[in-house]
Amino acid sequence: MTTNVLFTVDAFAEPGLLPRLLQPFAKRDLTPDHVLSRREGEMLRVELGMEAMPAEMAHLVAGNLGQVIGVTRVTETRREALREAA
């Protein structure tokens, strides 16, 4: 089963942050469908979304994102993907 996931990450705006946030996806051979980053003063808000992430990997990726140096908060929003009728 897959799930539609949006991770919202708040972190200190530091050089090298964005590649570190992509690492939890890359090590699981996943590619986010979209990445949006916006600076807000000294902080950076980054949204990383996947429309069909294997459901069992979502909590692992969220945990890894929370361990990235500089990250202060990770929010995970899920919506189970609907199966299309054949």
C-alpha atoms as a PDB file:
ATOM      1  CA  MET A   1       0.000   0.000   0.000  1.00  0.00           C
ATOM      2  CA  THR A   2       1.180   3.495  -0.767  1.00  0.00           C
ATOM      3  CA  THR A   3       0.387   6.776   0.881  1.00  0.00           C
ATOM      4  CA  ASN A   4       0.407  10.408  -0.153  1.00  0.00           C
ATOM      5  CA  VAL A   5       2.815  12.127   2.262  1.00  0.00           C
ATOM      6  CA  LEU A   6       3.829  15.715   2.868  1.00  0.00           C
ATOM      7  CA  PHE A   7       6.714  16.363   5.250  1.00  0.00           C
ATOM      8  CA  THR A   8       7.023  19.935   6.500  1.00  0.00           C
ATOM      9  CA  VAL A   9      10.417  20.648   8.045  1.00  0.00           C
ATOM     10  CA  ASP A  10      11.455  23.726  10.018  1.00  0.00           C
ATOM     11  CA  ALA A  11      15.199  24.166  10.364  1.00  0.00           C
ATOM     12  CA  PHE A  12      17.916  26.752  10.754  1.00  0.00           C
ATOM     13  CA  ALA A  13      18.892  28.152   7.343  1.00  0.00           C
ATOM     14  CA  GLU A  14      22.392  26.698   6.936  1.00  0.00           C
ATOM     15  CA  PRO A  15      24.496  25.825   3.900  1.00  0.00           C
ATOM     16  CA  GLY A  16      24.111  22.149   3.059  1.00  0.00           C
ATOM     17  CA  LEU A  17      20.713  21.736   4.732  1.00  0.00           C
ATOM     18  CA  LEU A  18      18.744  20.896   1.585  1.00  0.00           C
ATOM     19  CA  PRO A  19      20.969  17.983   0.464  1.00  0.00           C
ATOM     20  CA  ARG A  20      20.876  16.610   4.028  1.00  0.00           C
ATOM     21  CA  LEU A  21      17.068  16.637   3.890  1.00  0.00           C
ATOM     22  CA  LEU A  22      17.067  14.652   0.641  1.00  0.00           C
ATOM     23  CA  GLN A  23      19.357  11.936   2.050  1.00  0.00           C
ATOM     24  CA  PRO A  24      16.598   9.964   3.904  1.00  0.00           C
ATOM     25  CA  PHE A  25      14.782   9.616   0.560  1.00  0.00           C
ATOM     26  CA  ALA A  26      17.889   8.754  -1.465  1.00  0.00           C
ATOM     27  CA  LYS A  27      19.066   5.988   0.863  1.00  0.00           C
ATOM     28  CA  ARG A  28      15.682   4.272   0.354  1.00  0.00           C
ATOM     29  CA  ASP A  29      15.805   4.770  -3.431  1.00  0.00           C
ATOM     30  CA  LEU A  30      12.932   7.294  -3.278  1.00  0.00           C
ATOM     31  CA  THR A  31      12.604  10.611  -5.088  1.00  0.00           C
ATOM     32  CA  PRO A  32      10.234  13.281  -3.739  1.00  0.00           C
ATOM     33  CA  ASP A  33       7.609  14.484  -6.213  1.00  0.00           C
ATOM     34  CA  HIS A  34       8.064  18.040  -5.039  1.00  0.00           C
ATOM     35  CA  VAL A  35      10.371  20.081  -2.829  1.00  0.00           C
ATOM     36  CA  LEU A  36       9.558  23.644  -1.805  1.00  0.00           C
ATOM     37  CA  SER A  37      11.818  25.722   0.390  1.00  0.00           C
ATOM     38  CA  ARG A  38      11.171  29.164   1.808  1.00  0.00           C
ATOM     39  CA  ARG A  39      13.406  31.240   4.053  1.00  0.00           C
ATOM     40  CA  GLU A  40      11.732  32.944   7.010  1.00  0.00           C
ATOM     41  CA  GLY A  41      14.395  35.043   8.746  1.00  0.00           C
ATOM     42  CA  GLU A  42      16.980  32.694  10.260  1.00  0.00           C
ATOM     43  CA  MET A  43      14.765  29.673   9.619  1.00  0.00           C
ATOM     44  CA  LEU A  44      13.950  27.658   6.527  1.00  0.00           C
ATOM     45  CA  ARG A  45      10.630  25.894   5.958  1.00  0.00           C
ATOM     46  CA  VAL A  46      10.918  22.971   3.551  1.00  0.00           C
ATOM     47  CA  GLU A  47       8.070  20.873   2.174  1.00  0.00           C
ATOM     48  CA  LEU A  48       8.923  17.481   0.688  1.00  0.00           C
ATOM     49  CA  GLY A  49       6.048  15.531  -0.838  1.00  0.00           C
ATOM     50  CA  MET A  50       5.482  12.136  -2.402  1.00  0.00           C
ATOM     51  CA  GLU A  51       2.230  10.983  -3.954  1.00  0.00           C
ATOM     52  CA  ALA A  52       2.938   7.244  -3.750  1.00  0.00           C
ATOM     53  CA  MET A  53       5.375   6.535  -0.930  1.00  0.00           C
ATOM     54  CA  PRO A  54       5.411   2.973   0.404  1.00  0.00           C
ATOM     55  CA  ALA A  55       3.383   3.385   3.604  1.00  0.00           C
ATOM     56  CA  GLU A  56       5.881   1.463   5.746  1.00  0.00           C
ATOM     57  CA  MET A  57       8.665   3.931   4.843  1.00  0.00           C
ATOM     58  CA  ALA A  58       6.887   7.163   5.785  1.00  0.00           C
ATOM     59  CA  HIS A  59       7.610   6.985   9.523  1.00  0.00           C
ATOM     60  CA  LEU A  60      11.243   5.990   8.833  1.00  0.00           C
ATOM     61  CA  VAL A  61      11.790   9.012   6.595  1.00  0.00           C
ATOM     62  CA  ALA A  62      10.079  11.291   9.135  1.00  0.00           C
ATOM     63  CA  GLY A  63      12.358   9.985  11.885  1.00  0.00           C
ATOM     64  CA  ASN A  64      15.471  10.509   9.780  1.00  0.00           C
ATOM     65  CA  LEU A  65      14.398  14.047   8.852  1.00  0.00           C
ATOM     66  CA  GLY A  66      14.067  14.847  12.544  1.00  0.00           C
ATOM     67  CA  GLN A  67      17.661  13.727  13.143  1.00  0.00           C
ATOM     68  CA  VAL A  68      19.168  16.083  10.555  1.00  0.00           C
ATOM     69  CA  ILE A  69      21.365  18.689  12.232  1.00  0.00           C
ATOM     70  CA  GLY A  70      19.566  22.029  12.405  1.00  0.00           C
ATOM     71  CA  VAL A  71      16.034  20.630  12.159  1.00  0.00           C
ATOM     72  CA  THR A  72      13.724  21.915  14.880  1.00  0.00           C
ATOM     73  CA  ARG A  73      10.414  20.347  13.793  1.00  0.00           C
ATOM     74  CA  VAL A  74       9.036  17.776  11.343  1.00  0.00           C
ATOM     75  CA  THR A  75       5.342  17.480  10.569  1.00  0.00           C
ATOM     76  CA  GLU A  76       4.067  14.497   8.599  1.00  0.00           C
ATOM     77  CA  THR A  77       0.703  14.688   6.849  1.00  0.00           C
ATOM     78  CA  ARG A  78      -0.630  11.509   5.218  1.00  0.00           C
ATOM     79  CA  ARG A  79      -3.540  10.574   3.025  1.00  0.00           C
ATOM     80  CA  GLU A  80      -3.921   6.957   1.978  1.00  0.00           C
ATOM     81  CA  ALA A  81      -3.783   6.564  -1.789  1.00  0.00           C
ATOM     82  CA  LEU A  82      -6.966   5.307  -3.345  1.00  0.00           C
ATOM     83  CA  ARG A  83      -6.779   2.305  -5.641  1.00  0.00           C
ATOM     84  CA  GLU A  84      -8.272   2.853  -9.042  1.00  0.00           C
ATOM     85  CA  ALA A  85     -11.011   0.481 -10.164  1.00  0.00           C
ATOM     86  CA  ALA A  86      -9.948  -1.749 -13.029  1.00  0.00           C
END
